[in-house]
């Protein structure tokens, strides 16, 4: 009977040791798996940050391209005796309006509420504004030469043009007797 008890104890202790080894191996495997999952989540998170930064750079580039194109288009129209055409450009979809304003005059018209956000720039040499200014890549205002500010803001000050689906359409005009370019 004693031999059976020893064999039983031996088998039982071997089973316990084997279980401990199996649990340890399972623990190592699960730690490796968990570590791999953490790395995958980390890499996905970094990829999202990088993609968002590229998209922000793309939006800022669109804004800069718009400013350069618009300035050269206005200068070209100003140098003409007569010009009437449509200016089309793309802008970041985050923008709602491109506004032309004279902040030294009182705000009036249907965009008066938008103009209250632009009062922050009073005293700056600026006549072109992007709304909302927080989404304008740190260049929410700009000065464009040769614009007929008096005509453009005669009814609405500021006079805002909507950005629809990332595109803007402006009607550019200069008559035979006009000194400056008008936007409608």
C-alpha atoms as a PDB file:
ATOM      1  CA  UNK A   1       0.000   0.000   0.000  1.00  0.00           C
ATOM      2  CA  UNK A   2       2.903   2.264   0.652  1.00  0.00           C
ATOM      3  CA  UNK A   3       4.209   1.815  -2.858  1.00  0.00           C
ATOM      4  CA  UNK A   4       0.905   2.826  -4.287  1.00  0.00           C
ATOM      5  CA  UNK A   5       0.877   5.933  -2.135  1.00  0.00           C
ATOM      6  CA  UNK A   6       4.397   6.869  -3.322  1.00  0.00           C
ATOM      7  CA  UNK A   7       3.456   6.330  -6.940  1.00  0.00           C
ATOM      8  CA  UNK A   8       0.321   8.360  -6.433  1.00  0.00           C
ATOM      9  CA  UNK A   9       2.288  11.196  -4.835  1.00  0.00           C
ATOM     10  CA  UNK A  10       4.870  11.032  -7.612  1.00  0.00           C
ATOM     11  CA  UNK A  11       2.210  11.141 -10.340  1.00  0.00           C
ATOM     12  CA  UNK A  12       0.344  13.891  -8.533  1.00  0.00           C
ATOM     13  CA  UNK A  13       3.466  16.011  -8.023  1.00  0.00           C
ATOM     14  CA  UNK A  14       4.457  15.535 -11.690  1.00  0.00           C
ATOM     15  CA  UNK A  15       0.992  16.661 -12.703  1.00  0.00           C
ATOM     16  CA  UNK A  16       1.302  19.786 -10.529  1.00  0.00           C
ATOM     17  CA  UNK A  17       4.731  20.595 -11.983  1.00  0.00           C
ATOM     18  CA  UNK A  18       3.453  20.082 -15.522  1.00  0.00           C
ATOM     19  CA  UNK A  19       0.470  22.347 -14.802  1.00  0.00           C
ATOM     20  CA  UNK A  20       2.794  25.063 -13.462  1.00  0.00           C
ATOM     21  CA  UNK A  21       4.997  24.804 -16.556  1.00  0.00           C
ATOM     22  CA  UNK A  22       1.946  24.934 -18.845  1.00  0.00           C
ATOM     23  CA  UNK A  23       0.567  27.966 -16.972  1.00  0.00           C
ATOM     24  CA  UNK A  24       3.937  29.708 -17.200  1.00  0.00           C
ATOM     25  CA  UNK A  25       4.138  29.014 -20.948  1.00  0.00           C
ATOM     26  CA  UNK A  26       0.563  30.224 -21.356  1.00  0.00           C
ATOM     27  CA  UNK A  27       1.414  33.359 -19.385  1.00  0.00           C
ATOM     28  CA  UNK A  28       4.438  34.065 -21.586  1.00  0.00           C
ATOM     29  CA  UNK A  29       2.373  33.558 -24.705  1.00  0.00           C
ATOM     30  CA  UNK A  30      -0.371  35.841 -23.486  1.00  0.00           C
ATOM     31  CA  UNK A  31       2.166  38.534 -22.504  1.00  0.00           C
ATOM     32  CA  UNK A  32       3.700  38.354 -25.980  1.00  0.00           C
ATOM     33  CA  UNK A  33       0.283  38.535 -27.563  1.00  0.00           C
ATOM     34  CA  UNK A  34      -0.718  41.469 -25.387  1.00  0.00           C
ATOM     35  CA  UNK A  35       2.543  43.257 -26.150  1.00  0.00           C
ATOM     36  CA  UNK A  36       1.981  42.731 -29.889  1.00  0.00           C
ATOM     37  CA  UNK A  37      -1.546  44.133 -29.648  1.00  0.00           C
ATOM     38  CA  UNK A  38      -0.238  47.168 -27.767  1.00  0.00           C
ATOM     39  CA  UNK A  39       2.357  47.753 -30.487  1.00  0.00           C
ATOM     40  CA  UNK A  40      -0.242  47.440 -33.240  1.00  0.00           C
ATOM     41  CA  UNK A  41      -2.544  49.946 -31.490  1.00  0.00           C
ATOM     42  CA  UNK A  42       0.410  52.304 -30.999  1.00  0.00           C
ATOM     43  CA  UNK A  43       1.368  52.137 -34.683  1.00  0.00           C
ATOM     44  CA  UNK A  44      -2.233  52.718 -35.777  1.00  0.00           C
ATOM     45  CA  UNK A  45      -2.451  55.727 -33.449  1.00  0.00           C
ATOM     46  CA  UNK A  46       0.779  57.207 -34.852  1.00  0.00           C
ATOM     47  CA  UNK A  47      -0.440  56.579 -38.428  1.00  0.00           C
ATOM     48  CA  UNK A  48      -3.664  58.474 -37.710  1.00  0.00           C
ATOM     49  CA  UNK A  49      -1.693  61.418 -36.317  1.00  0.00           C
ATOM     50  CA  UNK A  50       0.590  61.485 -39.382  1.00  0.00           C
ATOM     51  CA  UNK A  51      -2.338  61.298 -41.819  1.00  0.00           C
ATOM     52  CA  UNK A  52      -4.145  64.136 -40.014  1.00  0.00           C
ATOM     53  CA  UNK A  53      -1.036  66.302 -40.142  1.00  0.00           C
ATOM     54  CA  UNK A  54      -0.710  65.667 -43.901  1.00  0.00           C
ATOM     55  CA  UNK A  55      -4.362  66.634 -44.369  1.00  0.00           C
ATOM     56  CA  UNK A  56      -3.795  69.845 -42.396  1.00  0.00           C
ATOM     57  CA  UNK A  57      -0.793  70.671 -44.569  1.00  0.00           C
ATOM     58  CA  UNK A  58      -2.934  70.025 -47.649  1.00  0.00           C
ATOM     59  CA  UNK A  59      -5.608  72.430 -46.362  1.00  0.00           C
ATOM     60  CA  UNK A  60      -3.013  75.132 -45.684  1.00  0.00           C
ATOM     61  CA  UNK A  61      -1.539  74.620 -49.151  1.00  0.00           C
ATOM     62  CA  UNK A  62      -5.009  75.047 -50.698  1.00  0.00           C
ATOM     63  CA  UNK A  63      -5.412  78.301 -48.788  1.00  0.00           C
ATOM     64  CA  UNK A  64      -2.047  79.591 -49.986  1.00  0.00           C
ATOM     65  CA  UNK A  65      -2.784  78.592 -53.586  1.00  0.00           C
ATOM     66  CA  UNK A  66      -6.142  80.391 -53.373  1.00  0.00           C
ATOM     67  CA  UNK A  67      -4.488  83.587 -52.097  1.00  0.00           C
ATOM     68  CA  UNK A  68      -1.835  83.567 -54.830  1.00  0.00           C
ATOM     69  CA  UNK A  69      -4.348  82.796 -57.593  1.00  0.00           C
ATOM     70  CA  UNK A  70      -6.849  85.378 -56.361  1.00  0.00           C
ATOM     71  CA  UNK A  71      -4.218  88.097 -56.004  1.00  0.00           C
ATOM     72  CA  UNK A  72      -2.845  87.484 -59.511  1.00  0.00           C
ATOM     73  CA  UNK A  73      -6.376  87.300 -60.960  1.00  0.00           C
ATOM     74  CA  UNK A  74      -7.304  90.642 -59.372  1.00  0.00           C
ATOM     75  CA  UNK A  75      -4.072  92.226 -60.596  1.00  0.00           C
ATOM     76  CA  UNK A  76      -4.685  90.888 -64.116  1.00  0.00           C
ATOM     77  CA  UNK A  77      -8.230  92.298 -64.080  1.00  0.00           C
ATOM     78  CA  UNK A  78      -7.011  95.626 -62.704  1.00  0.00           C
ATOM     79  CA  UNK A  79      -4.469  95.899 -65.534  1.00  0.00           C
ATOM     80  CA  UNK A  80      -7.233  95.334 -68.117  1.00  0.00           C
ATOM     81  CA  UNK A  81      -9.437  98.103 -69.437  1.00  0.00           C
ATOM     82  CA  UNK A  82     -12.497  95.912 -69.129  1.00  0.00           C
ATOM     83  CA  UNK A  83     -12.902  92.497 -67.544  1.00  0.00           C
ATOM     84  CA  UNK A  84     -15.795  90.344 -66.454  1.00  0.00           C
ATOM     85  CA  UNK A  85     -15.271  86.704 -65.557  1.00  0.00           C
ATOM     86  CA  UNK A  86     -15.870  84.047 -62.932  1.00  0.00           C
ATOM     87  CA  UNK A  87     -13.044  83.114 -60.587  1.00  0.00           C
ATOM     88  CA  UNK A  88     -13.252  79.535 -59.320  1.00  0.00           C
ATOM     89  CA  UNK A  89     -10.956  77.988 -56.761  1.00  0.00           C
ATOM     90  CA  UNK A  90     -10.844  75.273 -54.145  1.00  0.00           C
ATOM     91  CA  UNK A  91     -10.491  75.956 -50.450  1.00  0.00           C
ATOM     92  CA  UNK A  92     -10.433  73.790 -47.347  1.00  0.00           C
ATOM     93  CA  UNK A  93     -13.913  72.404 -46.667  1.00  0.00           C
ATOM     94  CA  UNK A  94     -13.600  73.581 -43.061  1.00  0.00           C
ATOM     95  CA  UNK A  95     -14.103  77.196 -44.140  1.00  0.00           C
ATOM     96  CA  UNK A  96     -17.611  78.617 -44.342  1.00  0.00           C
ATOM     97  CA  UNK A  97     -16.987  82.009 -45.961  1.00  0.00           C
ATOM     98  CA  UNK A  98     -14.453  84.213 -47.654  1.00  0.00           C
ATOM     99  CA  UNK A  99     -15.322  87.766 -46.661  1.00  0.00           C
ATOM    100  CA  UNK A 100     -14.303  91.168 -47.898  1.00  0.00           C
ATOM    101  CA  UNK A 101     -14.708  93.869 -45.292  1.00  0.00           C
ATOM    102  CA  UNK A 102     -13.751  97.383 -44.352  1.00  0.00           C
ATOM    103  CA  UNK A 103     -13.351  97.235 -40.597  1.00  0.00           C
ATOM    104  CA  UNK A 104     -12.924 100.995 -40.285  1.00  0.00           C
ATOM    105  CA  UNK A 105     -16.610 101.385 -41.236  1.00  0.00           C
ATOM    106  CA  UNK A 106     -19.603 100.178 -39.210  1.00  0.00           C
ATOM    107  CA  UNK A 107     -20.697  96.584 -39.689  1.00  0.00           C
ATOM    108  CA  UNK A 108     -24.041  96.220 -41.452  1.00  0.00           C
ATOM    109  CA  UNK A 109     -26.045  93.926 -43.681  1.00  0.00           C
ATOM    110  CA  UNK A 110     -26.835  90.245 -43.613  1.00  0.00           C
ATOM    111  CA  UNK A 111     -23.313  89.210 -42.534  1.00  0.00           C
ATOM    112  CA  UNK A 112     -23.158  91.560 -39.562  1.00  0.00           C
ATOM    113  CA  UNK A 113     -22.880  88.638 -37.109  1.00  0.00           C
ATOM    114  CA  UNK A 114     -19.964  87.182 -39.071  1.00  0.00           C
ATOM    115  CA  UNK A 115     -18.359  90.613 -38.960  1.00  0.00           C
ATOM    116  CA  UNK A 116     -18.342  90.607 -35.164  1.00  0.00           C
ATOM    117  CA  UNK A 117     -15.850  87.763 -35.329  1.00  0.00           C
ATOM    118  CA  UNK A 118     -13.726  89.874 -37.689  1.00  0.00           C
ATOM    119  CA  UNK A 119     -13.619  92.935 -35.398  1.00  0.00           C
ATOM    120  CA  UNK A 120     -10.648  91.259 -33.769  1.00  0.00           C
ATOM    121  CA  UNK A 121      -8.582  92.393 -36.778  1.00  0.00           C
ATOM    122  CA  UNK A 122      -9.611  96.054 -36.633  1.00  0.00           C
ATOM    123  CA  UNK A 123      -6.594  98.268 -37.226  1.00  0.00           C
ATOM    124  CA  UNK A 124      -4.798  95.675 -39.358  1.00  0.00           C
ATOM    125  CA  UNK A 125      -4.180  96.307 -43.038  1.00  0.00           C
ATOM    126  CA  UNK A 126      -6.629  93.706 -44.261  1.00  0.00           C
ATOM    127  CA  UNK A 127      -9.619  93.443 -46.569  1.00  0.00           C
ATOM    128  CA  UNK A 128      -9.972  89.668 -47.123  1.00  0.00           C
ATOM    129  CA  UNK A 129     -10.938  87.327 -44.282  1.00  0.00           C
ATOM    130  CA  UNK A 130     -11.547  83.617 -43.862  1.00  0.00           C
ATOM    131  CA  UNK A 131     -14.398  82.463 -41.623  1.00  0.00           C
ATOM    132  CA  UNK A 132     -14.137  80.727 -39.219  1.00  0.00           C
ATOM    133  CA  UNK A 133     -10.759  82.235 -38.531  1.00  0.00           C
ATOM    134  CA  UNK A 134      -9.683  79.360 -36.268  1.00  0.00           C
ATOM    135  CA  UNK A 135      -9.641  77.020 -39.286  1.00  0.00           C
ATOM    136  CA  UNK A 136      -7.686  79.319 -41.584  1.00  0.00           C
ATOM    137  CA  UNK A 137      -4.150  77.973 -40.999  1.00  0.00           C
ATOM    138  CA  UNK A 138      -3.023  80.959 -38.969  1.00  0.00           C
ATOM    139  CA  UNK A 139      -3.629  83.352 -41.891  1.00  0.00           C
ATOM    140  CA  UNK A 140      -7.236  84.415 -41.258  1.00  0.00           C
ATOM    141  CA  UNK A 141      -6.807  87.807 -42.921  1.00  0.00           C
ATOM    142  CA  UNK A 142      -4.991  89.167 -45.918  1.00  0.00           C
ATOM    143  CA  UNK A 143      -4.742  92.354 -47.964  1.00  0.00           C
ATOM    144  CA  UNK A 144      -5.524  92.191 -51.677  1.00  0.00           C
ATOM    145  CA  UNK A 145      -4.535  95.242 -53.727  1.00  0.00           C
ATOM    146  CA  UNK A 146      -6.807  96.819 -56.342  1.00  0.00           C
ATOM    147  CA  UNK A 147     -10.130  95.704 -54.841  1.00  0.00           C
ATOM    148  CA  UNK A 148     -12.921  98.282 -54.849  1.00  0.00           C
ATOM    149  CA  UNK A 149     -13.715  97.938 -51.146  1.00  0.00           C
ATOM    150  CA  UNK A 150     -16.248 100.788 -51.204  1.00  0.00           C
ATOM    151  CA  UNK A 151     -18.423  99.096 -53.861  1.00  0.00           C
ATOM    152  CA  UNK A 152     -17.973  95.576 -52.494  1.00  0.00           C
ATOM    153  CA  UNK A 153     -19.066  96.510 -48.955  1.00  0.00           C
ATOM    154  CA  UNK A 154     -21.585  99.233 -49.841  1.00  0.00           C
ATOM    155  CA  UNK A 155     -24.579  97.020 -48.918  1.00  0.00           C
ATOM    156  CA  UNK A 156     -23.030  94.342 -46.714  1.00  0.00           C
ATOM    157  CA  UNK A 157     -20.012  95.056 -44.559  1.00  0.00           C
ATOM    158  CA  UNK A 158     -18.567  92.432 -44.475  1.00  0.00           C
ATOM    159  CA  UNK A 159     -19.601  90.973 -47.802  1.00  0.00           C
ATOM    160  CA  UNK A 160     -19.151  87.206 -47.504  1.00  0.00           C
ATOM    161  CA  UNK A 161     -19.042  84.573 -50.211  1.00  0.00           C
ATOM    162  CA  UNK A 162     -19.884  80.979 -49.262  1.00  0.00           C
ATOM    163  CA  UNK A 163     -17.453  78.095 -49.590  1.00  0.00           C
ATOM    164  CA  UNK A 164     -19.563  75.189 -50.826  1.00  0.00           C
ATOM    165  CA  UNK A 165     -18.099  71.673 -50.860  1.00  0.00           C
ATOM    166  CA  UNK A 166     -14.595  73.133 -50.713  1.00  0.00           C
ATOM    167  CA  UNK A 167     -15.133  75.407 -53.737  1.00  0.00           C
ATOM    168  CA  UNK A 168     -15.709  79.117 -54.116  1.00  0.00           C
ATOM    169  CA  UNK A 169     -17.061  81.018 -57.097  1.00  0.00           C
ATOM    170  CA  UNK A 170     -16.537  84.778 -57.341  1.00  0.00           C
ATOM    171  CA  UNK A 171     -17.711  87.100 -60.119  1.00  0.00           C
ATOM    172  CA  UNK A 172     -14.897  89.517 -60.922  1.00  0.00           C
ATOM    173  CA  UNK A 173     -15.716  92.748 -62.771  1.00  0.00           C
ATOM    174  CA  UNK A 174     -13.911  95.867 -63.905  1.00  0.00           C
ATOM    175  CA  UNK A 175     -15.694  98.369 -66.094  1.00  0.00           C
ATOM    176  CA  UNK A 176     -14.140 100.784 -68.582  1.00  0.00           C
ATOM    177  CA  UNK A 177     -14.319 103.706 -66.148  1.00  0.00           C
ATOM    178  CA  UNK A 178     -13.546 101.764 -62.957  1.00  0.00           C
ATOM    179  CA  UNK A 179     -10.308 102.360 -61.074  1.00  0.00           C
ATOM    180  CA  UNK A 180     -10.568  99.152 -59.052  1.00  0.00           C
ATOM    181  CA  UNK A 181     -11.903  95.619 -59.391  1.00  0.00           C
ATOM    182  CA  UNK A 182     -15.322  94.704 -58.024  1.00  0.00           C
ATOM    183  CA  UNK A 183     -16.350  91.298 -56.667  1.00  0.00           C
ATOM    184  CA  UNK A 184     -19.951  90.067 -56.780  1.00  0.00           C
END
